[in-house]
Amino acid sequence: MLKEFVEKIVALAGPQTVVNEGLAYTDRQLSVIAPPVLSMVPLLTLTGLVDLVKAKMDDLKTDGYLLHVCSHTKVQLVRKFTDAYGRRVVLASSTCEDGQPFAFGKFMDREEFAIGLLSRFVQSPDLQEVVKMASALTASQVVLAEDDGVSQRTTVKQGITLKENVTVKGRVKLSPYRTFREVAQPESEFVFRLRSRDGSVPECALFEADGGKWKLDAVLAIKLWLDSQNLGVQVIA
């Protein structure tokens, strides 16, 4: 009982400080009680972020904030300096919701493949060529592919009246929707491949072939777009 009484008194006492070789130590762990920060405003577009800055929400002083392009899908409006508690306030954050992206690296039937190209890519000559090739493959065709690792030569026989040799380009330049719609979608290279089994209709696939450079291009495109809005806020990427 006496032990518990002594421990209670010690617990109620204030922290003790000991100085050893010029360094101060305390026998208690202290935690800073920080006040709440401003809640972050979630946005889905760059336009919304621009409108928020122009509206000067919370009496925004633009010279005290930065627009940070975190990635090809996220931009944040952050305070330049941390507060007294070491926190960097994020006033607003815009995130690109990309829905269901195109399945790169996956072989799929020609209809699913063509629909994906037409709905998830910016129109271009290379895209039209790939769509044309994919759409021309039907169940009535017998396809034999010769593959040299660079291109594929496909022999298409239709009934007994038509025989056509088509060389499939090994690399194509396309612009999928992968970042905010306000900026130009970055163009990158893809490997286009056909795969046929037992004479069936070939499956189609696109494989990314730029090592992820498109993400850097998208970040720079976002920065250039934000700079062009003349918001008076420095943009870093």
Protein backbone atom coordinates (compact mmCIF):
# COMPACT_ATOMS: atom_id res chain seq x y z
CA MET A 1 0.00 0.00 0.00
CA LEU A 2 2.83 2.35 0.89
CA LYS A 3 4.56 1.56 -2.43
CA GLU A 4 1.47 2.48 -4.45
CA PHE A 5 1.10 5.69 -2.43
CA VAL A 6 4.70 6.75 -3.15
CA GLU A 7 4.34 5.92 -6.88
CA LYS A 8 1.18 8.03 -7.02
CA ILE A 9 2.97 11.01 -5.50
CA VAL A 10 5.86 10.62 -7.95
CA ALA A 11 3.42 10.40 -10.86
CA LEU A 12 1.72 13.63 -9.81
CA ALA A 13 5.01 15.46 -9.47
CA GLY A 14 6.34 17.54 -12.35
CA PRO A 15 9.06 16.32 -14.71
CA GLN A 16 12.61 16.31 -13.37
CA THR A 17 15.54 17.63 -15.39
CA VAL A 18 19.09 16.32 -15.11
CA VAL A 19 22.10 17.91 -16.81
CA ASN A 20 24.93 15.56 -17.74
CA GLU A 21 28.02 16.70 -19.67
CA GLY A 22 26.21 19.77 -20.88
CA LEU A 23 23.12 17.89 -22.12
CA ALA A 24 19.73 18.26 -20.43
CA TYR A 25 17.63 15.12 -19.82
CA THR A 26 14.09 14.76 -18.50
CA ASP A 27 12.46 11.79 -16.82
CA ARG A 28 9.18 12.39 -18.66
CA GLN A 29 8.15 12.29 -22.30
CA LEU A 30 6.42 15.50 -23.30
CA SER A 31 4.11 15.89 -26.29
CA VAL A 32 3.23 19.14 -28.02
CA ILE A 33 -0.49 19.92 -28.12
CA ALA A 34 -0.97 21.34 -31.60
CA PRO A 35 -4.10 23.22 -32.66
CA PRO A 36 -6.04 21.87 -35.65
CA VAL A 37 -5.05 22.94 -39.16
CA LEU A 38 -7.28 24.08 -42.00
CA SER A 39 -9.11 21.16 -43.60
CA MET A 40 -7.97 20.31 -47.13
CA VAL A 41 -10.36 20.94 -50.02
CA PRO A 42 -10.54 17.88 -52.33
CA LEU A 43 -10.89 18.60 -56.06
CA LEU A 44 -11.04 16.51 -59.23
CA THR A 45 -9.86 18.96 -61.92
CA LEU A 46 -7.15 21.51 -62.52
CA THR A 47 -9.86 24.01 -63.43
CA GLY A 48 -11.34 23.65 -59.96
CA LEU A 49 -7.94 24.31 -58.42
CA VAL A 50 -7.49 27.44 -60.54
CA ASP A 51 -10.96 28.69 -59.60
CA LEU A 52 -10.21 28.15 -55.91
CA VAL A 53 -7.02 30.23 -56.12
CA LYS A 54 -8.82 33.01 -58.03
CA ALA A 55 -11.60 33.03 -55.42
CA LYS A 56 -8.95 33.63 -52.70
CA MET A 57 -10.58 31.22 -50.32
CA ASP A 58 -9.78 31.91 -46.64
CA ASP A 59 -8.32 35.25 -47.73
CA LEU A 60 -5.58 33.42 -49.59
CA LYS A 61 -2.31 35.32 -49.98
CA THR A 62 -0.87 33.81 -53.16
CA ASP A 63 2.72 34.78 -52.36
CA GLY A 64 2.62 32.50 -49.34
CA TYR A 65 1.66 29.35 -51.27
CA LEU A 66 3.03 26.99 -53.93
CA LEU A 67 1.34 24.75 -56.47
CA HIS A 68 3.13 21.42 -56.18
CA VAL A 69 2.70 18.99 -59.10
CA CYS A 70 3.14 15.79 -57.07
CA SER A 71 2.56 13.41 -59.98
CA HIS A 72 0.69 13.06 -63.27
CA THR A 73 -2.54 12.64 -61.26
CA LYS A 74 -2.13 14.96 -58.26
CA VAL A 75 -1.54 18.68 -57.71
CA GLN A 76 -1.57 20.35 -54.28
CA LEU A 77 -1.79 23.95 -53.10
CA VAL A 78 0.61 24.05 -50.15
CA ARG A 79 1.87 26.75 -47.81
CA LYS A 80 5.50 27.73 -48.44
CA PHE A 81 6.53 27.63 -44.80
CA THR A 82 5.76 25.16 -42.05
CA ASP A 83 3.91 26.38 -38.97
CA ALA A 84 5.29 26.54 -35.44
CA TYR A 85 4.64 22.81 -35.06
CA GLY A 86 6.56 21.72 -38.19
CA ARG A 87 3.44 21.07 -40.24
CA ARG A 88 3.08 22.07 -43.90
CA VAL A 89 -0.52 23.03 -44.56
CA VAL A 90 -2.17 21.66 -47.73
CA LEU A 91 -5.05 23.98 -48.54
CA ALA A 92 -6.37 22.07 -51.57
CA SER A 93 -5.54 18.93 -53.53
CA SER A 94 -6.72 18.01 -57.02
CA THR A 95 -6.66 14.34 -57.99
CA CYS A 96 -7.34 13.00 -61.49
CA GLU A 97 -9.89 10.20 -61.26
CA ASP A 98 -9.05 8.08 -64.29
CA GLY A 99 -11.87 5.55 -64.06
CA GLN A 100 -10.98 2.18 -65.58
CA PRO A 101 -7.66 2.51 -67.46
CA PHE A 102 -6.75 0.56 -70.58
CA ALA A 103 -5.29 -2.85 -69.75
CA PHE A 104 -1.76 -2.60 -71.15
CA GLY A 105 0.23 -5.82 -71.37
CA LYS A 106 -2.90 -7.98 -71.61
CA PHE A 107 -4.02 -9.90 -74.68
CA MET A 108 -7.73 -9.45 -75.37
CA ASP A 109 -10.21 -10.25 -78.13
CA ARG A 110 -10.37 -7.81 -81.03
CA GLU A 111 -13.73 -6.28 -80.05
CA GLU A 112 -12.70 -5.48 -76.48
CA PHE A 113 -9.36 -4.21 -77.77
CA ALA A 114 -10.90 -1.92 -80.41
CA ILE A 115 -13.46 -0.49 -77.97
CA GLY A 116 -10.68 0.25 -75.51
CA LEU A 117 -8.68 2.09 -78.18
CA LEU A 118 -11.64 4.17 -79.33
CA SER A 119 -12.75 5.14 -75.82
CA ARG A 120 -9.47 5.54 -73.92
CA PHE A 121 -7.11 7.17 -76.47
CA VAL A 122 -6.73 10.47 -78.30
CA GLN A 123 -7.44 10.01 -81.99
CA SER A 124 -4.33 9.86 -84.23
CA PRO A 125 -3.17 8.22 -87.51
CA ASP A 126 -1.32 5.45 -85.62
CA LEU A 127 -4.41 4.75 -83.52
CA GLN A 128 -6.62 4.51 -86.60
CA GLU A 129 -4.18 2.05 -88.16
CA VAL A 130 -4.19 -0.19 -85.07
CA VAL A 131 -8.00 -0.04 -84.81
CA LYS A 132 -8.32 -0.89 -88.50
CA MET A 133 -6.08 -3.92 -88.12
CA ALA A 134 -7.88 -5.15 -85.00
CA SER A 135 -11.35 -4.60 -86.48
CA ALA A 136 -10.46 -6.53 -89.66
CA LEU A 137 -9.86 -9.75 -87.73
CA THR A 138 -12.97 -11.91 -87.89
CA ALA A 139 -13.90 -15.47 -87.03
CA SER A 140 -13.99 -16.43 -90.72
CA GLN A 141 -10.30 -15.76 -91.19
CA VAL A 142 -7.33 -18.06 -90.82
CA VAL A 143 -4.34 -16.18 -89.53
CA LEU A 144 -0.69 -17.26 -89.63
CA ALA A 145 1.81 -14.87 -88.08
CA GLU A 146 5.54 -14.60 -88.83
CA ASP A 147 7.29 -12.72 -86.03
CA ASP A 148 10.89 -11.45 -86.32
CA GLY A 149 10.79 -9.59 -83.00
CA VAL A 150 10.44 -6.20 -84.69
CA SER A 151 7.28 -6.58 -86.77
CA GLN A 152 4.71 -9.25 -87.49
CA ARG A 153 3.64 -10.36 -90.97
CA THR A 154 0.12 -11.68 -90.90
CA THR A 155 -1.36 -13.77 -93.71
CA VAL A 156 -5.15 -13.41 -93.83
CA LYS A 157 -7.16 -15.88 -95.90
CA GLN A 158 -10.86 -15.22 -96.29
CA GLY A 159 -12.85 -18.07 -97.80
CA ILE A 160 -11.15 -19.12 -101.04
CA THR A 161 -11.22 -15.76 -102.81
CA LEU A 162 -9.02 -13.41 -100.81
CA LYS A 163 -5.49 -13.63 -99.52
CA GLU A 164 -3.76 -10.56 -98.12
CA ASN A 165 -0.37 -10.06 -96.44
CA VAL A 166 -0.30 -7.32 -93.82
CA THR A 167 2.76 -6.17 -91.88
CA VAL A 168 1.90 -5.08 -88.36
CA LYS A 169 4.07 -2.20 -87.12
CA GLY A 170 6.06 -3.32 -84.12
CA ARG A 171 5.96 0.13 -82.44
CA VAL A 172 3.24 2.74 -82.55
CA LYS A 173 2.97 6.18 -80.96
CA LEU A 174 -0.29 6.70 -79.08
CA SER A 175 -1.74 9.09 -76.50
CA PRO A 176 -3.93 7.34 -73.91
CA TYR A 177 -5.96 9.37 -71.43
CA ARG A 178 -3.71 9.16 -68.36
CA THR A 179 -3.65 12.62 -66.81
CA PHE A 180 -5.86 15.69 -66.28
CA ARG A 181 -8.04 16.38 -69.31
CA GLU A 182 -7.15 20.09 -69.32
CA VAL A 183 -3.64 19.31 -70.61
CA ALA A 184 -2.45 17.54 -73.75
CA GLN A 185 -2.20 13.83 -73.14
CA PRO A 186 1.46 12.70 -73.38
CA GLU A 187 2.35 10.64 -76.43
CA SER A 188 4.48 7.54 -75.90
CA GLU A 189 5.58 4.41 -77.74
CA PHE A 190 3.83 1.06 -77.45
CA VAL A 191 4.60 -2.39 -78.82
CA PHE A 192 1.55 -3.75 -80.70
CA ARG A 193 1.35 -7.53 -80.82
CA LEU A 194 -1.01 -10.18 -82.19
CA ARG A 195 -1.24 -13.70 -80.80
CA SER A 196 -3.07 -16.55 -82.52
CA ARG A 197 -3.67 -20.06 -81.24
CA ASP A 198 -4.72 -23.03 -83.37
CA GLY A 199 -5.76 -20.83 -86.28
CA SER A 200 -8.28 -18.88 -84.17
CA VAL A 201 -8.88 -15.15 -84.43
CA PRO A 202 -5.78 -13.40 -83.02
CA GLU A 203 -5.84 -11.61 -79.71
CA CYS A 204 -4.38 -8.11 -79.54
CA ALA A 205 -2.26 -6.36 -76.94
CA LEU A 206 -0.35 -3.14 -76.35
CA PHE A 207 2.81 -3.05 -74.24
CA GLU A 208 4.26 0.18 -72.85
CA ALA A 209 7.70 0.84 -74.33
CA ASP A 210 8.93 4.22 -73.08
CA GLY A 211 10.17 3.29 -69.60
CA GLY A 212 7.63 5.55 -67.88
CA LYS A 213 8.89 8.76 -69.52
CA TRP A 214 5.29 9.72 -70.24
CA LYS A 215 4.75 10.43 -66.53
CA LEU A 216 7.49 13.08 -66.58
CA ASP A 217 6.02 14.55 -69.77
CA ALA A 218 2.60 14.74 -68.10
CA VAL A 219 4.02 16.48 -65.02
CA LEU A 220 5.73 19.09 -67.20
CA ALA A 221 2.55 19.57 -69.25
CA ILE A 222 0.58 20.21 -66.05
CA LYS A 223 3.18 22.74 -64.89
CA LEU A 224 3.08 24.60 -68.21
CA TRP A 225 -0.72 24.70 -68.13
CA LEU A 226 -0.80 26.06 -64.58
CA ASP A 227 1.87 28.66 -65.41
CA SER A 228 -0.27 29.85 -68.32
CA GLN A 229 -3.16 30.64 -65.93
CA ASN A 230 -1.20 33.57 -64.39
CA LEU A 231 -2.35 32.87 -60.85
CA GLY A 232 0.53 34.58 -59.14
CA VAL A 233 1.47 31.30 -57.46
CA GLN A 234 4.80 29.60 -58.13
CA VAL A 235 4.43 26.15 -59.70
CA ILE A 236 6.99 23.46 -58.89
CA ALA A 237 7.20 20.03 -60.47
